[in-house]
């Protein structure tokens, strides 16, 4: 595969591709990348989508509720029922309920299950119409009325009820609301088999962060899809879907440069099904993707053969302990690398090269750290207390730091287990604790000389 672009053209194309790429609200059909990994998020049988902050949950929620974006997903994933479906945002951007509404209902003593039943009932009865009356008034008898409406089904098409942004709710009540929403999702999932013959179902789509799901333990859990950008068993292609996202954004631009990029992918112009097949080749074959990225990146981080590949070096350092990199941190890294390239003046070298990648990495690290600070304050508190230490960490040293800062007293027991499960820490064979670079750099920890970095799991 040869892409006929000069260094200047590739530079210009990438800069244009990233305009607005970090804002789900500005997403257009041309800019939406329907990764083959994300098809389960759109089927009726999976009501819950769990993903890290910055993984793209709000993007998928927007795709469900926007008819033009939903049509793209329908064609790309070969799900014809998806295009015919309707969708209502119950919680999230422009939804029937805002975080402030939920706080007001909590203050008025409305039970979470009654509140979400009332909101779901309002969406089922009049999709796209703001309900009248207060939520306290509507909550009375809502659960029984919703059961009857769901059993009756829908005549025209299935209806998705979208719940996004639970992490914006008050931490003190977030777990209770998450449990209530998961129970609602379970009830709607079970009701699909008992609805009236020939009628279409009402389907919940609940988007959660992993720690919100863990905080909702104790109730029923419906089928869950984990939203990631790691290409499953294809270890050699671990990062391919993120670079495929970048190439897709670039190829969707107007102009001759983007046209030259599209020409390298046979079938790109033949509709979304053919385009998805072309993108699948990128995600499954590392050599195909490396050849495509050669138009934008120099091959190595230095002059020697052991200096590391520009293709993989930054993403190894942006990955958590599970090997996951969020698209938000990845695109922030590329954006900052391009800014460093611009600051250095025009060059005959490709825009992604050793010096720009080093500078861009810090921006990606900061974005990932900010996501955790905002969404999981307990993580920030636990890692703040470890700042300045050298990895790997003896367990007793960690506990001493946490005891001095009152971290376990404020945020509960088994912090080590929770941080390991969340991909913030790893356990070494000698019992000491290690940390992936993305969090080590963000929280200012060092690494003892001669100690290998832990490998992210596949």
Protein backbone atom coordinates (compact mmCIF):
# COMPACT_ATOMS: atom_id res chain seq x y z
CA UNK A 1 0.00 0.00 0.00
CA UNK A 2 1.46 3.33 -1.07
CA UNK A 3 -0.03 6.68 -0.07
CA UNK A 4 1.27 9.48 -2.24
CA UNK A 5 1.53 12.35 0.25
CA UNK A 6 4.39 14.74 0.95
CA UNK A 7 5.36 15.50 4.56
CA UNK A 8 3.60 18.86 4.26
CA UNK A 9 0.41 17.30 2.91
CA UNK A 10 0.30 14.65 5.64
CA UNK A 11 0.86 17.38 8.23
CA UNK A 12 -2.02 19.47 6.88
CA UNK A 13 -4.33 16.46 6.63
CA UNK A 14 -3.81 15.35 10.24
CA UNK A 15 -4.30 18.85 11.61
CA UNK A 16 -7.64 19.17 9.83
CA UNK A 17 -8.71 15.66 10.85
CA UNK A 18 -8.46 16.47 14.56
CA UNK A 19 -10.57 19.65 14.48
CA UNK A 20 -13.45 18.92 16.87
CA UNK A 21 -12.49 15.24 17.15
CA UNK A 22 -12.53 15.33 20.97
CA UNK A 23 -16.10 16.67 21.22
CA UNK A 24 -18.89 14.08 20.89
CA UNK A 25 -21.41 16.87 20.30
CA UNK A 26 -19.74 17.87 17.04
CA UNK A 27 -19.69 14.33 15.64
CA UNK A 28 -20.87 14.02 12.03
CA UNK A 29 -21.57 10.94 9.89
CA UNK A 30 -18.32 11.56 7.98
CA UNK A 31 -16.32 11.69 11.23
CA UNK A 32 -17.92 8.72 12.99
CA UNK A 33 -15.75 5.58 12.97
CA UNK A 34 -17.88 2.44 13.47
CA UNK A 35 -15.19 0.16 14.87
CA UNK A 36 -15.98 -3.50 14.33
CA UNK A 37 -15.30 -4.05 18.04
CA UNK A 38 -18.27 -1.92 19.04
CA UNK A 39 -21.08 -3.72 17.22
CA UNK A 40 -22.41 -5.38 20.44
CA UNK A 41 -23.19 -1.92 21.84
CA UNK A 42 -26.00 -1.57 19.29
CA UNK A 43 -27.78 -4.92 19.54
CA UNK A 44 -30.99 -5.38 21.55
CA UNK A 45 -29.63 -8.22 23.67
CA UNK A 46 -26.96 -6.19 25.52
CA UNK A 47 -28.45 -3.39 27.65
CA UNK A 48 -25.28 -2.21 29.46
CA UNK A 49 -22.10 -0.72 27.96
CA UNK A 50 -19.16 -0.34 30.37
CA UNK A 51 -16.09 1.68 29.45
CA UNK A 52 -13.37 3.80 31.00
CA UNK A 53 -13.71 7.55 30.97
CA UNK A 54 -12.67 8.77 27.55
CA UNK A 55 -13.37 5.39 25.90
CA UNK A 56 -16.23 6.79 23.81
CA UNK A 57 -19.42 5.96 25.75
CA UNK A 58 -20.96 9.36 25.04
CA UNK A 59 -20.09 8.99 21.34
CA UNK A 60 -22.01 5.70 21.14
CA UNK A 61 -24.90 7.21 23.09
CA UNK A 62 -25.02 10.06 20.57
CA UNK A 63 -24.93 7.61 17.66
CA UNK A 64 -27.98 5.84 19.06
CA UNK A 65 -30.00 9.04 19.37
CA UNK A 66 -28.97 10.77 16.12
CA UNK A 67 -30.84 9.35 13.06
CA UNK A 68 -28.03 10.16 10.60
CA UNK A 69 -25.33 8.57 12.80
CA UNK A 70 -27.60 5.62 13.56
CA UNK A 71 -27.99 5.04 9.82
CA UNK A 72 -24.19 4.84 9.47
CA UNK A 73 -23.96 2.29 12.30
CA UNK A 74 -26.86 0.31 10.80
CA UNK A 75 -25.10 0.03 7.44
CA UNK A 76 -21.61 -0.60 8.86
CA UNK A 77 -22.75 -3.29 11.30
CA UNK A 78 -25.43 -4.78 9.00
CA UNK A 79 -28.19 -4.15 11.55
CA UNK A 80 -31.19 -3.01 9.47
CA UNK A 81 -33.48 -2.78 12.51
CA UNK A 82 -31.17 -0.19 14.03
CA UNK A 83 -31.94 2.41 11.36
CA UNK A 84 -35.69 1.92 11.79
CA UNK A 85 -35.51 2.21 15.58
CA UNK A 86 -36.26 5.28 17.65
CA UNK A 87 -34.16 6.47 20.59
CA UNK A 88 -34.69 8.86 23.49
CA UNK A 89 -31.98 10.22 25.78
CA UNK A 90 -33.39 9.82 29.28
CA UNK A 91 -30.18 10.84 31.08
CA UNK A 92 -27.33 12.60 29.32
CA UNK A 93 -26.76 15.50 26.90
CA UNK A 94 -30.20 16.99 26.15
CA UNK A 95 -32.00 14.21 28.06
CA UNK A 96 -35.34 14.16 29.84
CA UNK A 97 -33.48 14.17 33.16
CA UNK A 98 -30.38 16.14 34.07
CA UNK A 99 -28.06 15.55 37.01
CA UNK A 100 -29.72 18.57 38.70
CA UNK A 101 -33.16 16.94 38.24
CA UNK A 102 -31.88 13.77 39.90
CA UNK A 103 -30.47 15.74 42.84
CA UNK A 104 -33.81 17.54 43.24
CA UNK A 105 -35.69 14.24 43.18
CA UNK A 106 -33.32 12.82 45.80
CA UNK A 107 -33.94 15.87 48.01
CA UNK A 108 -37.71 15.39 47.59
CA UNK A 109 -37.44 11.78 48.76
CA UNK A 110 -38.25 10.10 45.43
CA UNK A 111 -37.00 6.50 45.36
CA UNK A 112 -34.48 5.91 42.52
CA UNK A 113 -36.48 2.99 41.08
CA UNK A 114 -39.62 5.13 40.98
CA UNK A 115 -37.74 8.04 39.40
CA UNK A 116 -36.23 5.97 36.58
CA UNK A 117 -39.51 4.16 35.96
CA UNK A 118 -41.24 7.54 35.63
CA UNK A 119 -38.58 8.82 33.23
CA UNK A 120 -38.71 5.63 31.14
CA UNK A 121 -42.52 5.78 31.06
CA UNK A 122 -42.42 9.40 29.84
CA UNK A 123 -40.07 8.36 27.02
CA UNK A 124 -42.26 5.40 26.04
CA UNK A 125 -45.53 7.35 26.09
CA UNK A 126 -44.32 10.39 24.15
CA UNK A 127 -40.82 10.06 22.64
CA UNK A 128 -39.25 13.46 22.03
CA UNK A 129 -41.75 15.32 24.24
CA UNK A 130 -40.88 16.90 27.58
CA UNK A 131 -43.16 15.44 30.28
CA UNK A 132 -45.53 17.68 32.26
CA UNK A 133 -45.52 17.91 36.03
CA UNK A 134 -42.78 17.27 38.57
CA UNK A 135 -40.89 14.00 38.73
CA UNK A 136 -42.18 13.55 42.27
CA UNK A 137 -45.75 13.60 40.92
CA UNK A 138 -44.96 11.35 37.97
CA UNK A 139 -43.13 8.76 40.11
CA UNK A 140 -46.32 7.65 41.89
CA UNK A 141 -47.47 4.39 40.26
CA UNK A 142 -44.87 4.67 37.48
CA UNK A 143 -43.44 1.16 37.89
CA UNK A 144 -46.76 -0.59 37.28
CA UNK A 145 -47.66 1.74 34.40
CA UNK A 146 -44.27 1.11 32.79
CA UNK A 147 -44.70 -2.67 33.04
CA UNK A 148 -48.02 -2.42 31.24
CA UNK A 149 -46.63 -0.15 28.52
CA UNK A 150 -43.62 -2.39 27.93
CA UNK A 151 -45.75 -5.52 27.79
CA UNK A 152 -47.96 -3.89 25.16
CA UNK A 153 -44.86 -3.18 23.06
CA UNK A 154 -44.58 -0.71 20.21
CA UNK A 155 -46.32 -0.85 16.87
CA UNK A 156 -43.82 0.94 14.59
CA UNK A 157 -40.25 0.21 15.69
CA UNK A 158 -38.19 -0.65 18.74
CA UNK A 159 -37.32 2.15 21.15
CA UNK A 160 -33.93 2.64 22.80
CA UNK A 161 -33.90 4.40 26.17
CA UNK A 162 -30.40 5.88 26.56
CA UNK A 163 -28.85 6.58 29.97
CA UNK A 164 -25.44 8.27 29.92
CA UNK A 165 -23.49 10.40 32.38
CA UNK A 166 -24.21 8.62 35.67
CA UNK A 167 -20.75 9.70 36.77
CA UNK A 168 -22.13 13.26 36.99
CA UNK A 169 -24.50 12.25 39.78
CA UNK A 170 -23.62 12.86 43.43
CA UNK A 171 -21.15 10.19 44.66
CA UNK A 172 -23.26 9.60 47.78
CA UNK A 173 -26.26 8.38 45.75
CA UNK A 174 -24.61 7.24 42.49
CA UNK A 175 -24.45 3.58 43.51
CA UNK A 176 -28.13 3.47 44.45
CA UNK A 177 -29.15 5.08 41.15
CA UNK A 178 -26.89 2.71 39.20
CA UNK A 179 -28.52 -0.28 40.93
CA UNK A 180 -31.98 1.07 40.09
CA UNK A 181 -31.03 1.60 36.43
CA UNK A 182 -29.50 -1.86 36.14
CA UNK A 183 -32.68 -3.33 37.58
CA UNK A 184 -34.73 -1.35 35.06
CA UNK A 185 -32.48 -2.65 32.26
CA UNK A 186 -32.99 -6.22 33.54
CA UNK A 187 -36.76 -5.78 33.69
CA UNK A 188 -36.92 -4.43 30.12
CA UNK A 189 -34.59 -7.18 28.92
CA UNK A 190 -36.82 -9.90 30.40
CA UNK A 191 -39.99 -8.21 29.13
CA UNK A 192 -38.87 -8.67 25.51
CA UNK A 193 -39.98 -12.32 25.60
CA UNK A 194 -43.42 -11.53 27.09
CA UNK A 195 -44.52 -8.59 24.93
CA UNK A 196 -47.62 -8.81 22.77
CA UNK A 197 -47.16 -10.74 19.46
CA UNK A 198 -45.95 -8.64 16.55
CA UNK A 199 -45.01 -5.69 18.74
CA UNK A 200 -41.52 -4.14 18.99
CA UNK A 201 -39.49 -3.98 22.21
CA UNK A 202 -38.40 -1.16 24.51
CA UNK A 203 -34.65 -1.54 25.14
CA UNK A 204 -32.50 0.16 27.76
CA UNK A 205 -28.96 1.24 26.90
CA UNK A 206 -27.06 2.16 30.07
CA UNK A 207 -23.52 3.57 29.71
CA UNK A 208 -21.36 3.22 32.83
CA UNK A 209 -17.77 3.55 33.99
CA UNK A 210 -16.33 0.34 35.53
CA UNK A 211 -16.19 1.71 39.09
CA UNK A 212 -19.84 2.83 38.82
CA UNK A 213 -20.78 -0.73 37.88
CA UNK A 214 -18.75 -2.10 40.81
CA UNK A 215 -20.48 0.40 43.12
CA UNK A 216 -23.86 -0.99 42.03
CA UNK A 217 -23.12 -4.50 43.29
CA UNK A 218 -25.86 -6.30 45.15
CA UNK A 219 -28.57 -6.18 42.49
CA UNK A 220 -29.31 -7.88 39.19
CA UNK A 221 -26.79 -7.33 36.38
CA UNK A 222 -28.04 -7.68 32.79
CA UNK A 223 -25.74 -8.63 29.88
CA UNK A 224 -22.77 -6.24 29.70
CA UNK A 225 -20.52 -5.18 26.81
CA UNK A 226 -17.04 -3.85 27.66
CA UNK A 227 -16.15 -0.90 25.44
CA UNK A 228 -12.42 -0.99 24.64
CA UNK A 229 -10.12 -0.20 21.74
CA UNK A 230 -7.78 -3.15 22.29
CA UNK A 231 -8.04 -5.65 19.47
CA UNK A 232 -8.70 -8.74 21.52
CA UNK A 233 -6.37 -11.68 20.80
CA UNK A 234 -4.53 -9.86 18.01
CA UNK A 235 -1.54 -8.95 20.19
CA UNK A 236 0.47 -7.75 17.19
CA UNK A 237 -2.46 -5.49 16.29
CA UNK A 238 -3.12 -4.24 19.83
CA UNK A 239 -3.26 -0.56 18.93
CA UNK A 240 -4.61 -0.88 15.39
CA UNK A 241 -8.15 0.32 16.04
CA UNK A 242 -6.88 3.63 17.44
CA UNK A 243 -4.71 4.29 14.41
CA UNK A 244 -7.59 3.16 12.19
CA UNK A 245 -9.71 5.82 13.94
CA UNK A 246 -7.07 8.45 13.11
CA UNK A 247 -6.86 7.36 9.46
CA UNK A 248 -10.65 7.35 9.21
CA UNK A 249 -10.83 10.93 10.49
CA UNK A 250 -8.19 11.97 7.97
CA UNK A 251 -9.77 10.13 5.04
CA UNK A 252 -13.15 11.75 5.72
CA UNK A 253 -11.76 15.23 5.07
CA UNK A 254 -12.40 17.16 1.84
CA UNK A 255 -9.55 17.91 -0.57
CA UNK A 256 -6.96 16.14 -2.69
CA UNK A 257 -4.88 14.89 0.27
CA UNK A 258 -7.82 12.99 1.76
CA UNK A 259 -8.72 11.68 -1.69
CA UNK A 260 -5.21 10.24 -2.05
CA UNK A 261 -5.59 8.55 1.34
CA UNK A 262 -8.98 7.07 0.43
CA UNK A 263 -7.58 5.72 -2.84
CA UNK A 264 -5.27 3.46 -0.83
CA UNK A 265 -8.27 1.55 0.55
CA UNK A 266 -10.16 -0.39 -2.15
CA UNK A 267 -13.93 -0.13 -1.70
CA UNK A 268 -13.82 2.98 0.47
CA UNK A 269 -16.23 4.86 -1.78
CA UNK A 270 -18.62 1.88 -2.22
CA UNK A 271 -20.76 2.41 0.87
CA UNK A 272 -20.37 1.76 4.57
CA UNK A 273 -20.33 -2.03 4.39
CA UNK A 274 -17.36 -1.98 1.97
CA UNK A 275 -15.66 0.76 3.98
CA UNK A 276 -15.98 -1.32 7.14
CA UNK A 277 -14.25 -4.21 5.39
CA UNK A 278 -11.37 -1.89 4.43
CA UNK A 279 -11.08 -0.69 8.03
CA UNK A 280 -11.18 -4.28 9.27
CA UNK A 281 -8.00 -4.96 7.29
CA UNK A 282 -6.32 -2.16 9.23
CA UNK A 283 -7.42 -3.63 12.55
CA UNK A 284 -6.31 -7.19 11.80
CA UNK A 285 -3.07 -6.74 9.87
CA UNK A 286 -0.36 -4.66 11.50
CA UNK A 287 1.72 -4.51 8.31
CA UNK A 288 -1.16 -2.94 6.39
CA UNK A 289 -1.59 -0.30 9.07
CA UNK A 290 2.13 0.41 9.40
CA UNK A 291 2.34 0.93 5.64
CA UNK A 292 -0.57 3.37 5.83
CA UNK A 293 0.88 5.24 8.80
CA UNK A 294 4.24 5.61 7.02
CA UNK A 295 2.71 8.66 5.32
CA UNK A 296 2.39 10.37 8.72
CA UNK A 297 5.11 8.94 10.97
CA UNK A 298 8.84 8.32 10.86
CA UNK A 299 9.61 4.64 11.50
CA UNK A 300 11.65 4.79 14.73
CA UNK A 301 12.11 6.86 17.86
CA UNK A 302 15.88 7.06 17.28
CA UNK A 303 18.67 6.00 14.97
CA UNK A 304 19.29 2.51 16.39
CA UNK A 305 17.17 -0.57 15.68
CA UNK A 306 16.44 -0.90 19.41
CA UNK A 307 15.09 2.63 19.86
CA UNK A 308 11.43 1.65 19.54
CA UNK A 309 8.81 2.20 16.87
CA UNK A 310 6.99 5.53 16.58
CA UNK A 311 3.95 3.36 15.85
CA UNK A 312 3.85 1.69 19.27
CA UNK A 313 6.19 3.60 21.63
CA UNK A 314 3.70 6.28 22.79
CA UNK A 315 0.77 3.90 23.19
CA UNK A 316 2.72 1.50 25.39
CA UNK A 317 3.15 4.50 27.69
CA UNK A 318 -0.50 5.61 27.45
CA UNK A 319 -1.87 2.15 28.30
CA UNK A 320 -3.26 1.18 31.68
CA UNK A 321 -2.35 -2.15 33.28
CA UNK A 322 -4.97 -3.94 31.16
CA UNK A 323 -3.41 -2.66 27.95
CA UNK A 324 -6.23 -0.21 27.26
CA UNK A 325 -5.71 3.25 25.78
CA UNK A 326 -8.68 5.60 25.56
CA UNK A 327 -9.30 7.37 22.24
CA UNK A 328 -9.55 10.69 24.07
CA UNK A 329 -6.01 10.40 25.46
CA UNK A 330 -4.72 9.05 22.13
CA UNK A 331 -6.19 11.92 20.09
CA UNK A 332 -4.94 14.43 22.67
CA UNK A 333 -1.46 12.94 22.24
CA UNK A 334 -1.60 13.27 18.44
CA UNK A 335 -2.98 16.80 18.69
CA UNK A 336 -0.13 17.86 21.01
CA UNK A 337 2.47 16.14 18.81
CA UNK A 338 1.17 18.13 15.83
CA UNK A 339 1.36 21.33 17.89
CA UNK A 340 5.00 20.53 18.71
CA UNK A 341 5.63 19.88 15.02
CA UNK A 342 4.14 23.26 14.13
CA UNK A 343 6.19 25.02 16.83
CA UNK A 344 9.36 23.48 15.42
CA UNK A 345 8.78 24.93 11.98
CA UNK A 346 8.14 23.17 8.69
CA UNK A 347 10.25 20.03 8.23
CA UNK A 348 10.87 17.47 5.51
CA UNK A 349 10.30 14.81 8.18
CA UNK A 350 6.88 13.32 8.89
CA UNK A 351 4.90 15.11 11.63
CA UNK A 352 4.96 12.15 14.06
CA UNK A 353 8.60 11.63 14.97
CA UNK A 354 10.74 11.24 18.07
CA UNK A 355 10.77 14.82 19.37
CA UNK A 356 7.08 15.53 18.64
CA UNK A 357 5.98 12.17 20.06
CA UNK A 358 7.87 12.83 23.32
CA UNK A 359 6.13 16.19 23.72
CA UNK A 360 2.73 14.86 22.72
CA UNK A 361 2.93 12.00 25.21
CA UNK A 362 2.64 14.36 28.19
CA UNK A 363 -0.65 15.77 26.85
CA UNK A 364 -2.12 12.28 26.51
CA UNK A 365 -0.97 11.41 30.03
CA UNK A 366 -2.56 14.59 31.46
CA UNK A 367 -5.88 13.85 29.75
CA UNK A 368 -6.01 10.30 31.14
CA UNK A 369 -5.11 11.54 34.63
CA UNK A 370 -7.75 14.29 34.49
CA UNK A 371 -10.40 11.74 33.49
CA UNK A 372 -9.65 9.74 36.63
CA UNK A 373 -9.40 12.78 38.92
CA UNK A 374 -12.83 14.00 37.84
CA UNK A 375 -14.62 10.66 37.78
CA UNK A 376 -12.93 8.72 40.59
CA UNK A 377 -11.61 11.03 43.33
CA UNK A 378 -10.60 8.01 45.43
CA UNK A 379 -8.09 7.03 42.72
CA UNK A 380 -6.56 10.51 42.71
CA UNK A 381 -6.33 10.51 46.52
CA UNK A 382 -4.64 7.10 46.59
CA UNK A 383 -2.09 7.99 43.91
CA UNK A 384 -1.47 11.52 45.22
CA UNK A 385 -0.20 9.96 48.44
CA UNK A 386 2.42 7.96 46.49
CA UNK A 387 3.94 10.91 44.60
CA UNK A 388 7.75 11.01 44.63
CA UNK A 389 8.27 7.30 45.41
CA UNK A 390 10.31 4.92 43.27
CA UNK A 391 8.73 1.89 41.59
CA UNK A 392 8.32 -0.94 42.34
CA UNK A 393 6.74 -0.21 45.72
CA UNK A 394 6.87 -2.49 48.78
CA UNK A 395 3.34 -2.96 50.08
CA UNK A 396 4.25 -1.72 53.57
CA UNK A 397 5.52 1.57 52.10
CA UNK A 398 2.23 2.09 50.26
CA UNK A 399 0.21 1.44 53.40
CA UNK A 400 2.39 3.81 55.43
CA UNK A 401 1.80 6.60 52.93
CA UNK A 402 -1.93 5.95 52.84
CA UNK A 403 -2.16 5.81 56.63
CA UNK A 404 -0.34 9.15 56.94
CA UNK A 405 -2.71 10.75 54.41
CA UNK A 406 -5.86 9.09 55.81
CA UNK A 407 -6.68 7.62 52.41
CA UNK A 408 -8.06 4.23 53.47
CA UNK A 409 -10.07 5.84 56.26
CA UNK A 410 -11.69 8.23 53.78
CA UNK A 411 -12.14 5.90 50.79
CA UNK A 412 -12.64 2.43 52.21
CA UNK A 413 -10.69 -0.83 52.53
CA UNK A 414 -8.95 -2.99 49.91
CA UNK A 415 -7.67 -0.02 47.94
CA UNK A 416 -4.88 -2.15 46.49
CA UNK A 417 -7.35 -4.68 45.09
CA UNK A 418 -9.55 -1.96 43.65
CA UNK A 419 -6.58 -0.20 42.04
CA UNK A 420 -5.33 -3.48 40.54
CA UNK A 421 -8.79 -4.33 39.19
CA UNK A 422 -9.04 -0.84 37.69
CA UNK A 423 -5.70 -1.12 35.88
CA UNK A 424 -3.90 1.49 38.02
CA UNK A 425 -1.49 -0.91 39.74
CA UNK A 426 0.00 -4.33 39.07
CA UNK A 427 1.35 -6.94 41.47
CA UNK A 428 4.86 -8.28 40.86
CA UNK A 429 5.87 -11.84 41.67
CA UNK A 430 7.70 -10.72 44.86
CA UNK A 431 4.55 -9.03 46.20
CA UNK A 432 5.61 -5.45 45.44
CA UNK A 433 3.42 -3.10 43.44
CA UNK A 434 4.11 -1.52 40.08
CA UNK A 435 2.31 1.09 38.02
CA UNK A 436 1.86 1.61 34.26
CA UNK A 437 3.70 4.61 32.84
CA UNK A 438 0.54 6.59 32.08
CA UNK A 439 -0.19 6.91 35.82
CA UNK A 440 3.44 6.87 36.99
CA UNK A 441 4.21 9.95 34.88
CA UNK A 442 0.98 11.73 35.77
CA UNK A 443 1.45 11.27 39.53
CA UNK A 444 5.20 11.89 39.61
CA UNK A 445 6.65 8.52 40.58
CA UNK A 446 10.09 7.33 39.48
CA UNK A 447 11.41 3.92 38.51
CA UNK A 448 14.50 2.29 40.00
CA UNK A 449 17.27 1.73 37.47
CA UNK A 450 17.44 -1.72 35.92
CA UNK A 451 13.82 -2.62 36.78
CA UNK A 452 11.79 -3.56 33.71
CA UNK A 453 8.47 -1.89 33.07
CA UNK A 454 5.55 -4.33 33.57
CA UNK A 455 3.98 -5.50 30.30
CA UNK A 456 0.33 -4.51 29.80
CA UNK A 457 -1.92 -7.56 29.58
CA UNK A 458 -3.60 -8.34 26.27
